[in-house]
């Protein structure tokens, strides 16, 4: 393997990480922001109130985005194994 190939692999792995984690982070961010706005308007200052909606929202996000996330990671892993077999064998 050349240095250029390793750099390209590192770039692609970072891209896959950002693509697969992005939707869940956005869901958690939007849920946390809406709960914070709700807490500010109602003046409820309960610390633990923000955690339950975030957990539920992320679980729903995993159900919705899970198949796509698994497919993206599996495609990346298959490409790595194909390239590894090409250079080892």
PDB file of N, CA and C in Angstrom:
ATOM      1  N   UNK A   1       0.836  -1.174   0.000  1.00  0.00           N
ATOM      2  CA  UNK A   1       0.000   0.000   0.000  1.00  0.00           C
ATOM      3  C   UNK A   1       0.880   1.236   0.000  1.00  0.00           C
ATOM      4  N   UNK A   2       0.452   2.186  -0.757  1.00  0.00           N
ATOM      5  CA  UNK A   2       1.207   3.422  -0.822  1.00  0.00           C
ATOM      6  C   UNK A   2       0.650   4.429   0.187  1.00  0.00           C
ATOM      7  N   UNK A   3       1.382   5.483   0.354  1.00  0.00           N
ATOM      8  CA  UNK A   3       0.966   6.523   1.289  1.00  0.00           C
ATOM      9  C   UNK A   3      -0.325   7.184   0.814  1.00  0.00           C
ATOM     10  N   UNK A   4      -0.446   7.381  -0.488  1.00  0.00           N
ATOM     11  CA  UNK A   4      -1.655   8.005  -1.028  1.00  0.00           C
ATOM     12  C   UNK A   4      -2.890   7.149  -0.758  1.00  0.00           C
ATOM     13  N   UNK A   5      -2.719   5.834  -0.852  1.00  0.00           N
ATOM     14  CA  UNK A   5      -3.850   4.943  -0.605  1.00  0.00           C
ATOM     15  C   UNK A   5      -4.265   4.996   0.864  1.00  0.00           C
ATOM     16  N   UNK A   6      -3.303   5.055   1.759  1.00  0.00           N
ATOM     17  CA  UNK A   6      -3.630   5.146   3.181  1.00  0.00           C
ATOM     18  C   UNK A   6      -4.320   6.459   3.520  1.00  0.00           C
ATOM     19  N   UNK A   7      -3.878   7.540   2.902  1.00  0.00           N
ATOM     20  CA  UNK A   7      -4.520   8.831   3.133  1.00  0.00           C
ATOM     21  C   UNK A   7      -5.946   8.819   2.592  1.00  0.00           C
ATOM     22  N   UNK A   8      -6.135   8.238   1.406  1.00  0.00           N
ATOM     23  CA  UNK A   8      -7.484   8.133   0.838  1.00  0.00           C
ATOM     24  C   UNK A   8      -8.382   7.267   1.717  1.00  0.00           C
ATOM     25  N   UNK A   9      -7.833   6.187   2.268  1.00  0.00           N
ATOM     26  CA  UNK A   9      -8.602   5.320   3.167  1.00  0.00           C
ATOM     27  C   UNK A   9      -8.981   6.065   4.447  1.00  0.00           C
ATOM     28  N   UNK A  10      -8.053   6.840   4.983  1.00  0.00           N
ATOM     29  CA  UNK A  10      -8.344   7.621   6.188  1.00  0.00           C
ATOM     30  C   UNK A  10      -9.410   8.676   5.912  1.00  0.00           C
ATOM     31  N   UNK A  11      -9.332   9.329   4.763  1.00  0.00           N
ATOM     32  CA  UNK A  11     -10.337  10.335   4.399  1.00  0.00           C
ATOM     33  C   UNK A  11     -11.714   9.695   4.255  1.00  0.00           C
ATOM     34  N   UNK A  12     -11.753   8.542   3.594  1.00  0.00           N
ATOM     35  CA  UNK A  12     -13.039   7.864   3.400  1.00  0.00           C
ATOM     36  C   UNK A  12     -13.600   7.368   4.728  1.00  0.00           C
ATOM     37  N   UNK A  13     -12.728   6.900   5.621  1.00  0.00           N
ATOM     38  CA  UNK A  13     -13.221   6.427   6.916  1.00  0.00           C
ATOM     39  C   UNK A  13     -13.795   7.576   7.737  1.00  0.00           C
ATOM     40  N   UNK A  14     -13.180   8.737   7.690  1.00  0.00           N
ATOM     41  CA  UNK A  14     -13.715   9.896   8.399  1.00  0.00           C
ATOM     42  C   UNK A  14     -15.052  10.316   7.798  1.00  0.00           C
ATOM     43  N   UNK A  15     -15.145  10.256   6.468  1.00  0.00           N
ATOM     44  CA  UNK A  15     -16.408  10.586   5.809  1.00  0.00           C
ATOM     45  C   UNK A  15     -17.514   9.624   6.224  1.00  0.00           C
ATOM     46  N   UNK A  16     -17.202   8.328   6.281  1.00  0.00           N
ATOM     47  CA  UNK A  16     -18.202   7.338   6.689  1.00  0.00           C
ATOM     48  C   UNK A  16     -18.613   7.562   8.139  1.00  0.00           C
ATOM     49  N   UNK A  17     -17.659   7.880   8.991  1.00  0.00           N
ATOM     50  CA  UNK A  17     -17.979   8.151  10.399  1.00  0.00           C
ATOM     51  C   UNK A  17     -18.906   9.349  10.519  1.00  0.00           C
ATOM     52  N   UNK A  18     -18.606  10.423   9.801  1.00  0.00           N
ATOM     53  CA  UNK A  18     -19.447  11.617   9.875  1.00  0.00           C
ATOM     54  C   UNK A  18     -20.833  11.364   9.293  1.00  0.00           C
ATOM     55  N   UNK A  19     -20.897  10.614   8.188  1.00  0.00           N
ATOM     56  CA  UNK A  19     -22.201  10.330   7.579  1.00  0.00           C
ATOM     57  C   UNK A  19     -23.068   9.452   8.465  1.00  0.00           C
ATOM     58  N   UNK A  20     -22.472   8.469   9.122  1.00  0.00           N
ATOM     59  CA  UNK A  20     -23.278   7.555   9.928  1.00  0.00           C
ATOM     60  C   UNK A  20     -23.648   8.137  11.284  1.00  0.00           C
ATOM     61  N   UNK A  21     -22.814   8.990  11.840  1.00  0.00           N
ATOM     62  CA  UNK A  21     -23.146   9.563  13.147  1.00  0.00           C
ATOM     63  C   UNK A  21     -23.930  10.861  13.028  1.00  0.00           C
ATOM     64  N   UNK A  22     -23.871  11.500  11.890  1.00  0.00           N
ATOM     65  CA  UNK A  22     -24.519  12.790  11.700  1.00  0.00           C
ATOM     66  C   UNK A  22     -26.016  12.820  11.956  1.00  0.00           C
ATOM     67  N   UNK A  23     -26.787  11.910  11.356  1.00  0.00           N
ATOM     68  CA  UNK A  23     -28.243  11.972  11.581  1.00  0.00           C
ATOM     69  C   UNK A  23     -28.643  11.829  13.045  1.00  0.00           C
ATOM     70  N   UNK A  24     -27.989  10.944  13.770  1.00  0.00           N
ATOM     71  CA  UNK A  24     -28.335  10.777  15.188  1.00  0.00           C
ATOM     72  C   UNK A  24     -27.924  11.988  16.014  1.00  0.00           C
ATOM     73  N   UNK A  25     -26.797  12.588  15.675  1.00  0.00           N
ATOM     74  CA  UNK A  25     -26.381  13.795  16.395  1.00  0.00           C
ATOM     75  C   UNK A  25     -27.329  14.952  16.127  1.00  0.00           C
ATOM     76  N   UNK A  26     -27.810  15.068  14.891  1.00  0.00           N
ATOM     77  CA  UNK A  26     -28.753  16.130  14.558  1.00  0.00           C
ATOM     78  C   UNK A  26     -30.081  15.916  15.286  1.00  0.00           C
ATOM     79  N   UNK A  27     -30.533  14.659  15.353  1.00  0.00           N
ATOM     80  CA  UNK A  27     -31.766  14.356  16.081  1.00  0.00           C
ATOM     81  C   UNK A  27     -31.606  14.704  17.557  1.00  0.00           C
ATOM     82  N   UNK A  28     -30.492  14.331  18.155  1.00  0.00           N
ATOM     83  CA  UNK A  28     -30.258  14.641  19.572  1.00  0.00           C
ATOM     84  C   UNK A  28     -30.152  16.148  19.794  1.00  0.00           C
ATOM     85  N   UNK A  29     -29.512  16.844  18.863  1.00  0.00           N
ATOM     86  CA  UNK A  29     -29.383  18.294  18.985  1.00  0.00           C
ATOM     87  C   UNK A  29     -30.737  18.977  18.898  1.00  0.00           C
ATOM     88  N   UNK A  30     -31.549  18.575  17.930  1.00  0.00           N
ATOM     89  CA  UNK A  30     -32.871  19.188  17.770  1.00  0.00           C
ATOM     90  C   UNK A  30     -33.767  18.894  18.975  1.00  0.00           C
ATOM     91  N   UNK A  31     -33.701  17.676  19.470  1.00  0.00           N
ATOM     92  CA  UNK A  31     -34.506  17.320  20.645  1.00  0.00           C
ATOM     93  C   UNK A  31     -34.051  18.099  21.873  1.00  0.00           C
ATOM     94  N   UNK A  32     -32.753  18.181  22.087  1.00  0.00           N
ATOM     95  CA  UNK A  32     -32.238  18.937  23.228  1.00  0.00           C
ATOM     96  C   UNK A  32     -32.584  20.410  23.154  1.00  0.00           C
ATOM     97  N   UNK A  33     -32.526  20.965  21.947  1.00  0.00           N
ATOM     98  CA  UNK A  33     -32.874  22.378  21.778  1.00  0.00           C
ATOM     99  C   UNK A  33     -34.351  22.619  22.059  1.00  0.00           C
ATOM    100  N   UNK A  34     -35.205  21.733  21.556  1.00  0.00           N
ATOM    101  CA  UNK A  34     -36.638  21.923  21.794  1.00  0.00           C
ATOM    102  C   UNK A  34     -36.987  21.725  23.277  1.00  0.00           C
ATOM    103  N   UNK A  35     -36.357  20.778  23.939  1.00  0.00           N
ATOM    104  CA  UNK A  35     -36.602  20.595  25.376  1.00  0.00           C
ATOM    105  C   UNK A  35     -36.084  21.795  26.156  1.00  0.00           C
ATOM    106  N   UNK A  36     -34.961  22.337  25.766  1.00  0.00           N
ATOM    107  CA  UNK A  36     -34.419  23.523  26.447  1.00  0.00           C
ATOM    108  C   UNK A  36     -35.334  24.725  26.271  1.00  0.00           C
ATOM    109  N   UNK A  37     -35.869  24.891  25.074  1.00  0.00           N
ATOM    110  CA  UNK A  37     -36.815  25.994  24.848  1.00  0.00           C
ATOM    111  C   UNK A  37     -38.071  25.790  25.685  1.00  0.00           C
ATOM    112  N   UNK A  38     -38.547  24.537  25.744  1.00  0.00           N
ATOM    113  CA  UNK A  38     -39.717  24.236  26.571  1.00  0.00           C
ATOM    114  C   UNK A  38     -39.435  24.529  28.037  1.00  0.00           C
ATOM    115  N   UNK A  39     -38.248  24.158  28.514  1.00  0.00           N
ATOM    116  CA  UNK A  39     -37.901  24.414  29.910  1.00  0.00           C
ATOM    117  C   UNK A  39     -37.784  25.911  30.185  1.00  0.00           C
ATOM    118  N   UNK A  40     -37.248  26.652  29.226  1.00  0.00           N
ATOM    119  CA  UNK A  40     -37.096  28.089  29.436  1.00  0.00           C
ATOM    120  C   UNK A  40     -38.439  28.804  29.448  1.00  0.00           C
ATOM    121  N   UNK A  41     -39.352  28.353  28.602  1.00  0.00           N
ATOM    122  CA  UNK A  41     -40.652  29.036  28.559  1.00  0.00           C
ATOM    123  C   UNK A  41     -41.531  28.675  29.751  1.00  0.00           C
ATOM    124  N   UNK A  42     -41.429  27.456  30.238  1.00  0.00           N
ATOM    125  CA  UNK A  42     -42.259  27.048  31.378  1.00  0.00           C
ATOM    126  C   UNK A  42     -41.552  27.219  32.711  1.00  0.00           C
ATOM    127  N   UNK A  43     -40.310  27.602  32.695  1.00  0.00           N
ATOM    128  CA  UNK A  43     -39.473  27.795  33.874  1.00  0.00           C
ATOM    129  C   UNK A  43     -39.363  26.536  34.716  1.00  0.00           C
ATOM    130  N   UNK A  44     -39.365  25.389  34.051  1.00  0.00           N
ATOM    131  CA  UNK A  44     -39.091  24.118  34.728  1.00  0.00           C
ATOM    132  C   UNK A  44     -37.584  23.905  34.665  1.00  0.00           C
ATOM    133  N   UNK A  45     -36.938  23.826  35.797  1.00  0.00           N
ATOM    134  CA  UNK A  45     -35.484  23.704  35.825  1.00  0.00           C
ATOM    135  C   UNK A  45     -35.049  22.317  36.291  1.00  0.00           C
ATOM    136  N   UNK A  46     -35.707  21.309  35.824  1.00  0.00           N
ATOM    137  CA  UNK A  46     -35.350  19.931  36.177  1.00  0.00           C
ATOM    138  C   UNK A  46     -34.203  19.467  35.272  1.00  0.00           C
ATOM    139  N   UNK A  47     -33.113  19.033  35.875  1.00  0.00           N
ATOM    140  CA  UNK A  47     -31.927  18.642  35.117  1.00  0.00           C
ATOM    141  C   UNK A  47     -32.149  17.370  34.306  1.00  0.00           C
ATOM    142  N   UNK A  48     -32.902  16.443  34.855  1.00  0.00           N
ATOM    143  CA  UNK A  48     -33.045  15.141  34.199  1.00  0.00           C
ATOM    144  C   UNK A  48     -34.117  15.137  33.119  1.00  0.00           C
ATOM    145  N   UNK A  49     -34.873  16.207  32.977  1.00  0.00           N
ATOM    146  CA  UNK A  49     -35.941  16.245  31.992  1.00  0.00           C
ATOM    147  C   UNK A  49     -35.427  16.149  30.564  1.00  0.00           C
ATOM    148  N   UNK A  50     -34.239  16.623  30.310  1.00  0.00           N
ATOM    149  CA  UNK A  50     -33.715  16.634  28.943  1.00  0.00           C
ATOM    150  C   UNK A  50     -33.245  15.255  28.491  1.00  0.00           C
ATOM    151  N   UNK A  51     -32.913  14.360  29.400  1.00  0.00           N
ATOM    152  CA  UNK A  51     -32.314  13.088  29.008  1.00  0.00           C
ATOM    153  C   UNK A  51     -33.306  12.108  28.402  1.00  0.00           C
ATOM    154  N   UNK A  52     -34.479  11.986  28.978  1.00  0.00           N
ATOM    155  CA  UNK A  52     -35.445  10.989  28.500  1.00  0.00           C
ATOM    156  C   UNK A  52     -35.904  11.288  27.075  1.00  0.00           C
ATOM    157  N   UNK A  53     -36.289  12.525  26.736  1.00  0.00           N
ATOM    158  CA  UNK A  53     -36.662  12.773  25.338  1.00  0.00           C
ATOM    159  C   UNK A  53     -35.509  12.555  24.355  1.00  0.00           C
ATOM    160  N   UNK A  54     -34.289  12.892  24.770  1.00  0.00           N
ATOM    161  CA  UNK A  54     -33.138  12.654  23.889  1.00  0.00           C
ATOM    162  C   UNK A  54     -32.929  11.172  23.645  1.00  0.00           C
ATOM    163  N   UNK A  55     -33.024  10.371  24.684  1.00  0.00           N
ATOM    164  CA  UNK A  55     -32.831   8.930  24.545  1.00  0.00           C
ATOM    165  C   UNK A  55     -33.901   8.341  23.635  1.00  0.00           C
ATOM    166  N   UNK A  56     -35.144   8.751  23.839  1.00  0.00           N
ATOM    167  CA  UNK A  56     -36.232   8.245  22.999  1.00  0.00           C
ATOM    168  C   UNK A  56     -36.042   8.689  21.554  1.00  0.00           C
ATOM    169  N   UNK A  57     -35.661   9.943  21.348  1.00  0.00           N
ATOM    170  CA  UNK A  57     -35.467  10.452  19.990  1.00  0.00           C
ATOM    171  C   UNK A  57     -34.316   9.738  19.286  1.00  0.00           C
ATOM    172  N   UNK A  58     -33.236   9.476  19.993  1.00  0.00           N
ATOM    173  CA  UNK A  58     -32.107   8.774  19.379  1.00  0.00           C
ATOM    174  C   UNK A  58     -32.488   7.332  19.069  1.00  0.00           C
ATOM    175  N   UNK A  59     -33.251   6.682  19.931  1.00  0.00           N
ATOM    176  CA  UNK A  59     -33.702   5.320  19.638  1.00  0.00           C
ATOM    177  C   UNK A  59     -34.609   5.291  18.409  1.00  0.00           C
ATOM    178  N   UNK A  60     -35.487   6.265  18.287  1.00  0.00           N
ATOM    179  CA  UNK A  60     -36.322   6.351  17.085  1.00  0.00           C
ATOM    180  C   UNK A  60     -35.453   6.631  15.861  1.00  0.00           C
ATOM    181  N   UNK A  61     -34.442   7.475  16.026  1.00  0.00           N
ATOM    182  CA  UNK A  61     -33.508   7.737  14.928  1.00  0.00           C
ATOM    183  C   UNK A  61     -32.748   6.497  14.512  1.00  0.00           C
ATOM    184  N   UNK A  62     -32.378   5.658  15.476  1.00  0.00           N
ATOM    185  CA  UNK A  62     -31.687   4.408  15.142  1.00  0.00           C
ATOM    186  C   UNK A  62     -32.618   3.490  14.360  1.00  0.00           C
ATOM    187  N   UNK A  63     -33.880   3.445  14.746  1.00  0.00           N
ATOM    188  CA  UNK A  63     -34.841   2.615  14.010  1.00  0.00           C
ATOM    189  C   UNK A  63     -35.000   3.130  12.584  1.00  0.00           C
ATOM    190  N   UNK A  64     -35.065   4.433  12.424  1.00  0.00           N
ATOM    191  CA  UNK A  64     -35.273   5.010  11.090  1.00  0.00           C
ATOM    192  C   UNK A  64     -34.009   4.946  10.246  1.00  0.00           C
ATOM    193  N   UNK A  65     -32.874   5.393  10.805  1.00  0.00           N
ATOM    194  CA  UNK A  65     -31.638   5.489  10.036  1.00  0.00           C
ATOM    195  C   UNK A  65     -30.752   4.253  10.130  1.00  0.00           C
ATOM    196  N   UNK A  66     -31.112   3.305  11.009  1.00  0.00           N
ATOM    197  CA  UNK A  66     -30.268   2.132  11.237  1.00  0.00           C
ATOM    198  C   UNK A  66     -29.933   1.317  10.001  1.00  0.00           C
ATOM    199  N   UNK A  67     -30.921   0.947   9.177  1.00  0.00           N
ATOM    200  CA  UNK A  67     -30.587   0.158   7.983  1.00  0.00           C
ATOM    201  C   UNK A  67     -29.637   0.882   7.030  1.00  0.00           C
ATOM    202  N   UNK A  68     -29.842   2.180   6.872  1.00  0.00           N
ATOM    203  CA  UNK A  68     -28.947   2.941   6.005  1.00  0.00           C
ATOM    204  C   UNK A  68     -27.539   3.021   6.607  1.00  0.00           C
ATOM    205  N   UNK A  69     -27.458   3.216   7.917  1.00  0.00           N
ATOM    206  CA  UNK A  69     -26.159   3.291   8.581  1.00  0.00           C
ATOM    207  C   UNK A  69     -25.408   1.968   8.461  1.00  0.00           C
ATOM    208  N   UNK A  70     -26.111   0.863   8.691  1.00  0.00           N
ATOM    209  CA  UNK A  70     -25.478  -0.452   8.587  1.00  0.00           C
ATOM    210  C   UNK A  70     -25.019  -0.713   7.156  1.00  0.00           C
ATOM    211  N   UNK A  71     -25.844  -0.335   6.186  1.00  0.00           N
ATOM    212  CA  UNK A  71     -25.461  -0.518   4.786  1.00  0.00           C
ATOM    213  C   UNK A  71     -24.224   0.279   4.416  1.00  0.00           C
ATOM    214  N   UNK A  72     -24.131   1.500   4.902  1.00  0.00           N
ATOM    215  CA  UNK A  72     -22.967   2.342   4.615  1.00  0.00           C
ATOM    216  C   UNK A  72     -21.704   1.751   5.221  1.00  0.00           C
ATOM    217  N   UNK A  73     -21.784   1.316   6.468  1.00  0.00           N
ATOM    218  CA  UNK A  73     -20.612   0.738   7.135  1.00  0.00           C
ATOM    219  C   UNK A  73     -20.229  -0.598   6.492  1.00  0.00           C
ATOM    220  N   UNK A  74     -21.230  -1.400   6.122  1.00  0.00           N
ATOM    221  CA  UNK A  74     -20.942  -2.690   5.487  1.00  0.00           C
ATOM    222  C   UNK A  74     -20.273  -2.503   4.126  1.00  0.00           C
ATOM    223  N   UNK A  75     -20.740  -1.541   3.353  1.00  0.00           N
ATOM    224  CA  UNK A  75     -20.104  -1.259   2.060  1.00  0.00           C
ATOM    225  C   UNK A  75     -18.660  -0.829   2.255  1.00  0.00           C
ATOM    226  N   UNK A  76     -18.417   0.009   3.235  1.00  0.00           N
ATOM    227  CA  UNK A  76     -17.053   0.451   3.517  1.00  0.00           C
ATOM    228  C   UNK A  76     -16.179  -0.723   3.957  1.00  0.00           C
ATOM    229  N   UNK A  77     -16.709  -1.585   4.823  1.00  0.00           N
ATOM    230  CA  UNK A  77     -15.942  -2.743   5.291  1.00  0.00           C
ATOM    231  C   UNK A  77     -15.655  -3.708   4.142  1.00  0.00           C
ATOM    232  N   UNK A  78     -16.624  -3.929   3.261  1.00  0.00           N
ATOM    233  CA  UNK A  78     -16.392  -4.804   2.109  1.00  0.00           C
ATOM    234  C   UNK A  78     -15.307  -4.250   1.206  1.00  0.00           C
ATOM    235  N   UNK A  79     -15.318  -2.935   0.991  1.00  0.00           N
ATOM    236  CA  UNK A  79     -14.267  -2.314   0.175  1.00  0.00           C
ATOM    237  C   UNK A  79     -12.893  -2.480   0.815  1.00  0.00           C
ATOM    238  N   UNK A  80     -12.825  -2.335   2.131  1.00  0.00           N
ATOM    239  CA  UNK A  80     -11.544  -2.513   2.815  1.00  0.00           C
ATOM    240  C   UNK A  80     -11.048  -3.949   2.665  1.00  0.00           C
ATOM    241  N   UNK A  81     -11.932  -4.922   2.878  1.00  0.00           N
ATOM    242  CA  UNK A  81     -11.517  -6.321   2.776  1.00  0.00           C
ATOM    243  C   UNK A  81     -11.134  -6.700   1.353  1.00  0.00           C
ATOM    244  N   UNK A  82     -11.840  -6.156   0.348  1.00  0.00           N
ATOM    245  CA  UNK A  82     -11.459  -6.429  -1.036  1.00  0.00           C
ATOM    246  C   UNK A  82     -10.082  -5.858  -1.353  1.00  0.00           C
ATOM    247  N   UNK A  83      -9.823  -4.634  -0.914  1.00  0.00           N
ATOM    248  CA  UNK A  83      -8.512  -4.037  -1.160  1.00  0.00           C
ATOM    249  C   UNK A  83      -7.420  -4.746  -0.380  1.00  0.00           C
ATOM    250  N   UNK A  84      -7.725  -5.198   0.806  1.00  0.00           N
ATOM    251  CA  UNK A  84      -6.738  -5.931   1.621  1.00  0.00           C
ATOM    252  C   UNK A  84      -6.393  -7.256   0.959  1.00  0.00           C
ATOM    253  N   UNK A  85      -7.410  -7.958   0.472  1.00  0.00           N
ATOM    254  CA  UNK A  85      -7.151  -9.242  -0.205  1.00  0.00           C
ATOM    255  C   UNK A  85      -6.365  -9.036  -1.492  1.00  0.00           C
ATOM    256  N   UNK A  86      -6.588  -7.946  -2.164  1.00  0.00           N
ATOM    257  CA  UNK A  86      -5.863  -7.646  -3.402  1.00  0.00           C
ATOM    258  C   UNK A  86      -4.382  -7.423  -3.137  1.00  0.00           C
ATOM    259  N   UNK A  87      -4.049  -6.786  -2.012  1.00  0.00           N
ATOM    260  CA  UNK A  87      -2.646  -6.459  -1.732  1.00  0.00           C
ATOM    261  C   UNK A  87      -1.921  -7.551  -0.984  1.00  0.00           C
ATOM    262  N   UNK A  88      -2.646  -8.363  -0.229  1.00  0.00           N
ATOM    263  CA  UNK A  88      -1.985  -9.464   0.487  1.00  0.00           C
ATOM    264  C   UNK A  88      -1.782 -10.666  -0.417  1.00  0.00           C
ATOM    265  N   UNK A  89      -2.847 -10.998  -1.157  1.00  0.00           N
ATOM    266  CA  UNK A  89      -2.803 -12.203  -1.969  1.00  0.00           C
ATOM    267  C   UNK A  89      -2.253 -12.045  -3.297  1.00  0.00           C
TER     268      UNK A  89
END
